[in-house]
């Protein structure tokens, strides 16, 4: 558990950044295959542009979300705002940033948003799984102390190790990684077998991920707070309710290729 994969002179390769690269490469392949399978009228160049802008907007959104919830610290230490390698990317902000960017891009291309969202959803949750492994090696997104045999002691110098030196803690990043992988296989292996109304797979993705995140957040030690409440749990609950209402209201579980109206 060390954030640096290797270092050669001034060149430093970190697991956190490497996992982003792996996630983008895997997501690109999956999205391209889904665009072809679903017969979405986007060229390869347009798919790549969608992914690049989505990733950029996602990182910006994730960082801004985190900074807003720690505004006092970052106003006092403005040089730390761009230092994402120190940790501090909130996934809900990343999802919001990616959605906003994709909506504008697809509107310009006159492509149905929900159909494309279904094509992107499995790749998105798989990318999140890789990201959580990056968190594990970085020692952030960590849990609180536990006496359980599955607890891990993070090394000195890591974020978790500095907060809980020599103490076993919940490896919450691994909990969430396993949840994300489970959601991915459910979406990729099961849901995509039967064509349902556009928007169903995306709604299932955000509902399932947010349900898992709500549970994992209970064990987190570094949660963003919204008054006395954990911000991620509040956001996750809102997303689950909205996704279920969307599925029921639009009858998205029904088979057929008709998009959301």
C-alpha atoms as a PDB file:
ATOM      1  CA  UNK A   1       0.000   0.000   0.000  1.00  0.00           C
ATOM      2  CA  UNK A   2       2.051   2.868  -1.317  1.00  0.00           C
ATOM      3  CA  UNK A   3       0.889   5.725  -3.555  1.00  0.00           C
ATOM      4  CA  UNK A   4       3.971   5.631  -5.824  1.00  0.00           C
ATOM      5  CA  UNK A   5       4.331   2.737  -8.285  1.00  0.00           C
ATOM      6  CA  UNK A   6       7.885   3.717  -9.211  1.00  0.00           C
ATOM      7  CA  UNK A   7      10.127   6.763  -9.315  1.00  0.00           C
ATOM      8  CA  UNK A   8      12.992   7.413 -11.713  1.00  0.00           C
ATOM      9  CA  UNK A   9      14.703  10.736 -11.193  1.00  0.00           C
ATOM     10  CA  UNK A  10      12.051  13.429 -11.445  1.00  0.00           C
ATOM     11  CA  UNK A  11       9.624  11.015 -13.112  1.00  0.00           C
ATOM     12  CA  UNK A  12       7.065   9.666 -10.676  1.00  0.00           C
ATOM     13  CA  UNK A  13       4.243   7.245 -11.531  1.00  0.00           C
ATOM     14  CA  UNK A  14       1.473   7.107  -8.932  1.00  0.00           C
ATOM     15  CA  UNK A  15      -1.123   4.372  -8.614  1.00  0.00           C
ATOM     16  CA  UNK A  16      -3.859   7.004  -8.380  1.00  0.00           C
ATOM     17  CA  UNK A  17      -3.041   8.469 -11.788  1.00  0.00           C
ATOM     18  CA  UNK A  18      -2.348   5.045 -13.308  1.00  0.00           C
ATOM     19  CA  UNK A  19      -5.814   3.834 -12.298  1.00  0.00           C
ATOM     20  CA  UNK A  20      -7.344   6.824 -14.085  1.00  0.00           C
ATOM     21  CA  UNK A  21      -5.472   5.864 -17.244  1.00  0.00           C
ATOM     22  CA  UNK A  22      -6.563   2.206 -16.962  1.00  0.00           C
ATOM     23  CA  UNK A  23     -10.163   3.269 -16.271  1.00  0.00           C
ATOM     24  CA  UNK A  24     -10.238   5.573 -19.309  1.00  0.00           C
ATOM     25  CA  UNK A  25      -8.755   2.919 -21.620  1.00  0.00           C
ATOM     26  CA  UNK A  26     -11.192   0.222 -20.466  1.00  0.00           C
ATOM     27  CA  UNK A  27     -14.159   2.608 -20.530  1.00  0.00           C
ATOM     28  CA  UNK A  28     -13.289   3.736 -24.043  1.00  0.00           C
ATOM     29  CA  UNK A  29     -13.335   0.179 -25.356  1.00  0.00           C
ATOM     30  CA  UNK A  30     -16.634  -0.655 -23.641  1.00  0.00           C
ATOM     31  CA  UNK A  31     -18.347   2.555 -24.733  1.00  0.00           C
ATOM     32  CA  UNK A  32     -17.268   2.112 -28.345  1.00  0.00           C
ATOM     33  CA  UNK A  33     -18.662  -1.433 -28.384  1.00  0.00           C
ATOM     34  CA  UNK A  34     -21.962  -0.276 -26.886  1.00  0.00           C
ATOM     35  CA  UNK A  35     -22.265   2.603 -29.367  1.00  0.00           C
ATOM     36  CA  UNK A  36     -21.949   0.076 -32.192  1.00  0.00           C
ATOM     37  CA  UNK A  37     -24.314  -2.450 -30.581  1.00  0.00           C
ATOM     38  CA  UNK A  38     -26.977   0.178 -29.855  1.00  0.00           C
ATOM     39  CA  UNK A  39     -26.501   1.770 -33.294  1.00  0.00           C
ATOM     40  CA  UNK A  40     -25.881   5.235 -31.918  1.00  0.00           C
ATOM     41  CA  UNK A  41     -24.910   7.656 -34.680  1.00  0.00           C
ATOM     42  CA  UNK A  42     -21.587   8.806 -33.224  1.00  0.00           C
ATOM     43  CA  UNK A  43     -18.248   8.517 -35.016  1.00  0.00           C
ATOM     44  CA  UNK A  44     -15.178   7.173 -33.205  1.00  0.00           C
ATOM     45  CA  UNK A  45     -13.791  10.698 -33.005  1.00  0.00           C
ATOM     46  CA  UNK A  46     -17.025  11.953 -31.453  1.00  0.00           C
ATOM     47  CA  UNK A  47     -17.005   9.126 -28.912  1.00  0.00           C
ATOM     48  CA  UNK A  48     -13.434  10.012 -27.949  1.00  0.00           C
ATOM     49  CA  UNK A  49     -14.339  13.699 -27.635  1.00  0.00           C
ATOM     50  CA  UNK A  50     -17.314  12.788 -25.444  1.00  0.00           C
ATOM     51  CA  UNK A  51     -15.069  10.705 -23.180  1.00  0.00           C
ATOM     52  CA  UNK A  52     -12.283  13.295 -22.975  1.00  0.00           C
ATOM     53  CA  UNK A  53     -14.631  16.150 -22.132  1.00  0.00           C
ATOM     54  CA  UNK A  54     -16.557  13.932 -19.725  1.00  0.00           C
ATOM     55  CA  UNK A  55     -13.373  12.980 -17.878  1.00  0.00           C
ATOM     56  CA  UNK A  56     -12.174  16.586 -17.678  1.00  0.00           C
ATOM     57  CA  UNK A  57     -15.559  17.831 -16.467  1.00  0.00           C
ATOM     58  CA  UNK A  58     -15.789  14.895 -14.056  1.00  0.00           C
ATOM     59  CA  UNK A  59     -12.430  15.662 -12.445  1.00  0.00           C
ATOM     60  CA  UNK A  60     -13.269  19.368 -12.184  1.00  0.00           C
ATOM     61  CA  UNK A  61     -16.703  18.589 -10.741  1.00  0.00           C
ATOM     62  CA  UNK A  62     -15.285  16.074  -8.272  1.00  0.00           C
ATOM     63  CA  UNK A  63     -12.652  18.526  -7.067  1.00  0.00           C
ATOM     64  CA  UNK A  64     -15.008  21.504  -6.816  1.00  0.00           C
ATOM     65  CA  UNK A  65     -17.519  19.408  -4.848  1.00  0.00           C
ATOM     66  CA  UNK A  66     -14.770  18.408  -2.387  1.00  0.00           C
ATOM     67  CA  UNK A  67     -13.338  21.914  -2.123  1.00  0.00           C
ATOM     68  CA  UNK A  68     -16.768  23.450  -1.409  1.00  0.00           C
ATOM     69  CA  UNK A  69     -17.265  21.081   1.529  1.00  0.00           C
ATOM     70  CA  UNK A  70     -13.797  21.984   2.869  1.00  0.00           C
ATOM     71  CA  UNK A  71     -13.866  25.635   1.901  1.00  0.00           C
ATOM     72  CA  UNK A  72     -12.252  26.967   5.068  1.00  0.00           C
ATOM     73  CA  UNK A  73      -9.141  24.830   4.598  1.00  0.00           C
ATOM     74  CA  UNK A  74      -8.746  25.602   0.892  1.00  0.00           C
ATOM     75  CA  UNK A  75      -9.264  29.349   1.362  1.00  0.00           C
ATOM     76  CA  UNK A  76      -6.358  29.221   3.809  1.00  0.00           C
ATOM     77  CA  UNK A  77      -4.319  26.927   1.514  1.00  0.00           C
ATOM     78  CA  UNK A  78      -5.257  27.876  -2.066  1.00  0.00           C
ATOM     79  CA  UNK A  79      -2.181  26.140  -3.499  1.00  0.00           C
ATOM     80  CA  UNK A  80      -3.742  22.831  -2.403  1.00  0.00           C
ATOM     81  CA  UNK A  81      -6.854  23.277  -4.571  1.00  0.00           C
ATOM     82  CA  UNK A  82      -5.349  21.654  -7.707  1.00  0.00           C
ATOM     83  CA  UNK A  83      -3.390  19.023  -5.705  1.00  0.00           C
ATOM     84  CA  UNK A  84      -5.683  16.097  -6.487  1.00  0.00           C
ATOM     85  CA  UNK A  85      -2.786  13.671  -5.897  1.00  0.00           C
ATOM     86  CA  UNK A  86      -3.189  14.452  -2.194  1.00  0.00           C
ATOM     87  CA  UNK A  87      -6.706  13.040  -2.362  1.00  0.00           C
ATOM     88  CA  UNK A  88      -9.975  14.905  -2.443  1.00  0.00           C
ATOM     89  CA  UNK A  89     -12.143  13.950  -5.418  1.00  0.00           C
ATOM     90  CA  UNK A  90     -15.804  13.454  -4.510  1.00  0.00           C
ATOM     91  CA  UNK A  91     -17.469  10.957  -6.826  1.00  0.00           C
ATOM     92  CA  UNK A  92     -20.889  12.610  -6.681  1.00  0.00           C
ATOM     93  CA  UNK A  93     -19.346  15.839  -7.961  1.00  0.00           C
ATOM     94  CA  UNK A  94     -17.594  13.837 -10.668  1.00  0.00           C
ATOM     95  CA  UNK A  95     -20.840  12.224 -11.803  1.00  0.00           C
ATOM     96  CA  UNK A  96     -22.574  15.605 -11.918  1.00  0.00           C
ATOM     97  CA  UNK A  97     -19.718  17.139 -13.921  1.00  0.00           C
ATOM     98  CA  UNK A  98     -19.679  14.246 -16.380  1.00  0.00           C
ATOM     99  CA  UNK A  99     -23.456  14.336 -16.859  1.00  0.00           C
ATOM    100  CA  UNK A 100     -23.539  18.084 -17.500  1.00  0.00           C
ATOM    101  CA  UNK A 101     -20.682  17.900 -20.006  1.00  0.00           C
ATOM    102  CA  UNK A 102     -22.234  14.917 -21.814  1.00  0.00           C
ATOM    103  CA  UNK A 103     -25.673  16.515 -21.961  1.00  0.00           C
ATOM    104  CA  UNK A 104     -24.338  19.605 -23.753  1.00  0.00           C
ATOM    105  CA  UNK A 105     -22.136  17.524 -26.059  1.00  0.00           C
ATOM    106  CA  UNK A 106     -24.939  15.134 -27.067  1.00  0.00           C
ATOM    107  CA  UNK A 107     -27.433  17.944 -27.489  1.00  0.00           C
ATOM    108  CA  UNK A 108     -25.065  19.592 -29.955  1.00  0.00           C
ATOM    109  CA  UNK A 109     -24.717  16.286 -31.823  1.00  0.00           C
ATOM    110  CA  UNK A 110     -28.504  15.701 -31.682  1.00  0.00           C
ATOM    111  CA  UNK A 111     -28.038  12.315 -29.995  1.00  0.00           C
ATOM    112  CA  UNK A 112     -30.587  11.037 -27.472  1.00  0.00           C
ATOM    113  CA  UNK A 113     -29.037  11.581 -24.031  1.00  0.00           C
ATOM    114  CA  UNK A 114     -30.669   8.613 -22.295  1.00  0.00           C
ATOM    115  CA  UNK A 115     -29.710   6.108 -24.967  1.00  0.00           C
ATOM    116  CA  UNK A 116     -26.097   7.215 -24.746  1.00  0.00           C
ATOM    117  CA  UNK A 117     -26.256   7.283 -20.944  1.00  0.00           C
ATOM    118  CA  UNK A 118     -27.171   3.588 -21.019  1.00  0.00           C
ATOM    119  CA  UNK A 119     -24.144   2.911 -23.223  1.00  0.00           C
ATOM    120  CA  UNK A 120     -21.825   4.756 -20.829  1.00  0.00           C
ATOM    121  CA  UNK A 121     -23.186   3.506 -17.475  1.00  0.00           C
ATOM    122  CA  UNK A 122     -21.399   0.106 -17.302  1.00  0.00           C
ATOM    123  CA  UNK A 123     -18.094   1.705 -18.293  1.00  0.00           C
ATOM    124  CA  UNK A 124     -18.617   4.427 -15.699  1.00  0.00           C
ATOM    125  CA  UNK A 125     -19.064   2.062 -12.767  1.00  0.00           C
ATOM    126  CA  UNK A 126     -16.094  -0.043 -13.908  1.00  0.00           C
ATOM    127  CA  UNK A 127     -13.970   3.097 -13.989  1.00  0.00           C
ATOM    128  CA  UNK A 128     -15.088   3.890 -10.448  1.00  0.00           C
ATOM    129  CA  UNK A 129     -13.906   0.440  -9.348  1.00  0.00           C
ATOM    130  CA  UNK A 130     -10.424   1.132 -10.724  1.00  0.00           C
ATOM    131  CA  UNK A 131     -10.502   4.509  -9.013  1.00  0.00           C
ATOM    132  CA  UNK A 132     -11.190   2.914  -5.637  1.00  0.00           C
ATOM    133  CA  UNK A 133      -8.125   0.723  -6.038  1.00  0.00           C
ATOM    134  CA  UNK A 134      -6.192   3.941  -6.602  1.00  0.00           C
ATOM    135  CA  UNK A 135      -7.683   5.264  -3.358  1.00  0.00           C
ATOM    136  CA  UNK A 136      -6.554   2.079  -1.598  1.00  0.00           C
ATOM    137  CA  UNK A 137      -2.956   2.489  -2.723  1.00  0.00           C
ATOM    138  CA  UNK A 138      -3.105   6.213  -1.943  1.00  0.00           C
ATOM    139  CA  UNK A 139      -4.538   5.586   1.522  1.00  0.00           C
ATOM    140  CA  UNK A 140      -7.474   7.982   1.145  1.00  0.00           C
ATOM    141  CA  UNK A 141     -11.253   7.439   1.156  1.00  0.00           C
ATOM    142  CA  UNK A 142     -10.437   5.382   4.237  1.00  0.00           C
ATOM    143  CA  UNK A 143     -12.509   3.937   7.051  1.00  0.00           C
ATOM    144  CA  UNK A 144     -12.659   4.259  10.802  1.00  0.00           C
ATOM    145  CA  UNK A 145     -10.963   1.882  13.284  1.00  0.00           C
ATOM    146  CA  UNK A 146     -12.196  -1.712  13.523  1.00  0.00           C
ATOM    147  CA  UNK A 147     -11.366  -4.801  15.552  1.00  0.00           C
ATOM    148  CA  UNK A 148     -12.451  -7.048  12.678  1.00  0.00           C
ATOM    149  CA  UNK A 149      -9.913  -9.461  11.163  1.00  0.00           C
ATOM    150  CA  UNK A 150     -10.390  -7.724   7.798  1.00  0.00           C
ATOM    151  CA  UNK A 151      -9.085  -4.435   9.185  1.00  0.00           C
ATOM    152  CA  UNK A 152      -5.859  -3.085   7.677  1.00  0.00           C
ATOM    153  CA  UNK A 153      -3.058  -0.943   9.063  1.00  0.00           C
ATOM    154  CA  UNK A 154      -1.964   1.652   6.530  1.00  0.00           C
ATOM    155  CA  UNK A 155       1.716   2.645   6.383  1.00  0.00           C
ATOM    156  CA  UNK A 156       3.108   5.875   7.833  1.00  0.00           C
ATOM    157  CA  UNK A 157       3.057   8.698   5.337  1.00  0.00           C
ATOM    158  CA  UNK A 158      -0.261   7.671   3.823  1.00  0.00           C
ATOM    159  CA  UNK A 159      -3.368   9.720   4.578  1.00  0.00           C
ATOM    160  CA  UNK A 160      -4.982   6.864   6.500  1.00  0.00           C
ATOM    161  CA  UNK A 161      -1.724   5.910   8.205  1.00  0.00           C
ATOM    162  CA  UNK A 162      -1.148   9.448   9.433  1.00  0.00           C
ATOM    163  CA  UNK A 163      -4.662   9.712  10.879  1.00  0.00           C
ATOM    164  CA  UNK A 164      -4.663   6.250  12.447  1.00  0.00           C
ATOM    165  CA  UNK A 165      -1.003   5.272  13.002  1.00  0.00           C
ATOM    166  CA  UNK A 166      -0.630   1.561  13.733  1.00  0.00           C
ATOM    167  CA  UNK A 167      -4.408   1.108  14.026  1.00  0.00           C
ATOM    168  CA  UNK A 168      -6.499  -1.317  11.972  1.00  0.00           C
ATOM    169  CA  UNK A 169      -9.211   0.448  10.001  1.00  0.00           C
ATOM    170  CA  UNK A 170     -12.011  -0.494   7.636  1.00  0.00           C
ATOM    171  CA  UNK A 171     -10.626  -0.687   4.061  1.00  0.00           C
ATOM    172  CA  UNK A 172     -13.702   1.141   2.782  1.00  0.00           C
ATOM    173  CA  UNK A 173     -12.138   1.769  -0.611  1.00  0.00           C
ATOM    174  CA  UNK A 174     -12.026  -2.007  -1.131  1.00  0.00           C
ATOM    175  CA  UNK A 175     -15.626  -2.366   0.062  1.00  0.00           C
ATOM    176  CA  UNK A 176     -16.724   0.123  -2.547  1.00  0.00           C
ATOM    177  CA  UNK A 177     -14.494  -1.394  -5.221  1.00  0.00           C
ATOM    178  CA  UNK A 178     -16.229  -4.769  -4.756  1.00  0.00           C
ATOM    179  CA  UNK A 179     -19.658  -3.124  -4.843  1.00  0.00           C
ATOM    180  CA  UNK A 180     -18.748  -1.280  -8.044  1.00  0.00           C
ATOM    181  CA  UNK A 181     -17.498  -4.468  -9.706  1.00  0.00           C
ATOM    182  CA  UNK A 182     -20.716  -6.253  -8.710  1.00  0.00           C
ATOM    183  CA  UNK A 183     -22.827  -3.465 -10.193  1.00  0.00           C
ATOM    184  CA  UNK A 184     -20.743  -3.535 -13.372  1.00  0.00           C
ATOM    185  CA  UNK A 185     -21.229  -7.270 -13.921  1.00  0.00           C
ATOM    186  CA  UNK A 186     -24.956  -6.946 -13.199  1.00  0.00           C
ATOM    187  CA  UNK A 187     -25.325  -4.162 -15.777  1.00  0.00           C
ATOM    188  CA  UNK A 188     -23.006  -5.687 -18.367  1.00  0.00           C
ATOM    189  CA  UNK A 189     -23.951  -9.361 -18.112  1.00  0.00           C
ATOM    190  CA  UNK A 190     -27.614  -9.243 -17.126  1.00  0.00           C
ATOM    191  CA  UNK A 191     -29.349  -5.960 -17.932  1.00  0.00           C
ATOM    192  CA  UNK A 192     -27.918  -5.412 -21.382  1.00  0.00           C
ATOM    193  CA  UNK A 193     -29.185  -8.833 -22.552  1.00  0.00           C
ATOM    194  CA  UNK A 194     -32.698  -7.458 -22.932  1.00  0.00           C
ATOM    195  CA  UNK A 195     -33.317  -4.082 -24.524  1.00  0.00           C
ATOM    196  CA  UNK A 196     -35.433  -1.961 -22.236  1.00  0.00           C
ATOM    197  CA  UNK A 197     -36.525   1.619 -22.530  1.00  0.00           C
ATOM    198  CA  UNK A 198     -33.710   4.110 -22.849  1.00  0.00           C
ATOM    199  CA  UNK A 199     -32.558   5.364 -19.470  1.00  0.00           C
ATOM    200  CA  UNK A 200     -33.184   2.136 -17.547  1.00  0.00           C
ATOM    201  CA  UNK A 201     -29.575   0.951 -17.341  1.00  0.00           C
ATOM    202  CA  UNK A 202     -28.348   4.417 -16.331  1.00  0.00           C
ATOM    203  CA  UNK A 203     -31.039   4.743 -13.656  1.00  0.00           C
ATOM    204  CA  UNK A 204     -30.197   1.261 -12.350  1.00  0.00           C
ATOM    205  CA  UNK A 205     -26.519   2.228 -12.246  1.00  0.00           C
ATOM    206  CA  UNK A 206     -26.978   5.365 -10.165  1.00  0.00           C
ATOM    207  CA  UNK A 207     -29.522   3.681  -7.861  1.00  0.00           C
ATOM    208  CA  UNK A 208     -27.393   0.595  -7.208  1.00  0.00           C
ATOM    209  CA  UNK A 209     -24.157   2.522  -6.797  1.00  0.00           C
ATOM    210  CA  UNK A 210     -25.750   5.077  -4.476  1.00  0.00           C
ATOM    211  CA  UNK A 211     -27.328   2.316  -2.353  1.00  0.00           C
ATOM    212  CA  UNK A 212     -23.914   0.724  -1.891  1.00  0.00           C
ATOM    213  CA  UNK A 213     -22.273   4.061  -1.189  1.00  0.00           C
ATOM    214  CA  UNK A 214     -24.890   4.850   1.467  1.00  0.00           C
ATOM    215  CA  UNK A 215     -23.887   1.679   3.352  1.00  0.00           C
ATOM    216  CA  UNK A 216     -20.119   2.083   2.902  1.00  0.00           C
ATOM    217  CA  UNK A 217     -20.271   5.696   4.067  1.00  0.00           C
ATOM    218  CA  UNK A 218     -21.253   4.449   7.518  1.00  0.00           C
ATOM    219  CA  UNK A 219     -17.717   3.043   7.896  1.00  0.00           C
ATOM    220  CA  UNK A 220     -15.848   6.035   6.407  1.00  0.00           C
ATOM    221  CA  UNK A 221     -13.662   8.230   8.603  1.00  0.00           C
ATOM    222  CA  UNK A 222     -13.068  11.055   6.130  1.00  0.00           C
ATOM    223  CA  UNK A 223     -16.649  11.865   5.132  1.00  0.00           C
ATOM    224  CA  UNK A 224     -17.704  15.277   3.892  1.00  0.00           C
ATOM    225  CA  UNK A 225     -20.305  16.637   6.292  1.00  0.00           C
ATOM    226  CA  UNK A 226     -23.512  18.529   5.713  1.00  0.00           C
ATOM    227  CA  UNK A 227     -24.183  19.843   9.191  1.00  0.00           C
ATOM    228  CA  UNK A 228     -24.591  16.744  11.401  1.00  0.00           C
ATOM    229  CA  UNK A 229     -25.183  14.487   8.367  1.00  0.00           C
ATOM    230  CA  UNK A 230     -22.782  12.816   5.993  1.00  0.00           C
ATOM    231  CA  UNK A 231     -23.086  14.584   2.651  1.00  0.00           C
ATOM    232  CA  UNK A 232     -22.554  11.399   0.618  1.00  0.00           C
ATOM    233  CA  UNK A 233     -25.377   9.623   2.449  1.00  0.00           C
ATOM    234  CA  UNK A 234     -27.759  12.528   1.911  1.00  0.00           C
ATOM    235  CA  UNK A 235     -26.831  12.719  -1.783  1.00  0.00           C
ATOM    236  CA  UNK A 236     -27.004   8.941  -2.205  1.00  0.00           C
ATOM    237  CA  UNK A 237     -30.472   8.764  -0.657  1.00  0.00           C
ATOM    238  CA  UNK A 238     -31.725  11.570  -2.908  1.00  0.00           C
ATOM    239  CA  UNK A 239     -30.301   9.840  -5.989  1.00  0.00           C
ATOM    240  CA  UNK A 240     -31.848   6.476  -5.102  1.00  0.00           C
ATOM    241  CA  UNK A 241     -35.289   8.038  -4.594  1.00  0.00           C
ATOM    242  CA  UNK A 242     -35.005  10.048  -7.830  1.00  0.00           C
ATOM    243  CA  UNK A 243     -33.807   7.027  -9.847  1.00  0.00           C
ATOM    244  CA  UNK A 244     -36.600   4.768  -8.581  1.00  0.00           C
ATOM    245  CA  UNK A 245     -39.193   7.469  -9.238  1.00  0.00           C
ATOM    246  CA  UNK A 246     -37.766   7.902 -12.753  1.00  0.00           C
ATOM    247  CA  UNK A 247     -37.917   4.153 -13.468  1.00  0.00           C
ATOM    248  CA  UNK A 248     -41.478   3.825 -12.175  1.00  0.00           C
ATOM    249  CA  UNK A 249     -42.760   7.055 -13.699  1.00  0.00           C
ATOM    250  CA  UNK A 250     -41.411   6.239 -17.173  1.00  0.00           C
ATOM    251  CA  UNK A 251     -41.963   2.445 -16.907  1.00  0.00           C
ATOM    252  CA  UNK A 252     -38.380   1.951 -17.960  1.00  0.00           C
ATOM    253  CA  UNK A 253     -38.313  -1.744 -17.102  1.00  0.00           C
ATOM    254  CA  UNK A 254     -40.578  -2.517 -20.023  1.00  0.00           C
ATOM    255  CA  UNK A 255     -38.904  -3.952 -23.133  1.00  0.00           C
ATOM    256  CA  UNK A 256     -38.626  -1.813 -26.219  1.00  0.00           C
ATOM    257  CA  UNK A 257     -36.359   0.717 -27.844  1.00  0.00           C
ATOM    258  CA  UNK A 258     -38.548   3.766 -27.335  1.00  0.00           C
ATOM    259  CA  UNK A 259     -36.695   6.531 -25.551  1.00  0.00           C
ATOM    260  CA  UNK A 260     -37.752   8.536 -22.523  1.00  0.00           C
ATOM    261  CA  UNK A 261     -40.305  11.228 -23.295  1.00  0.00           C
END
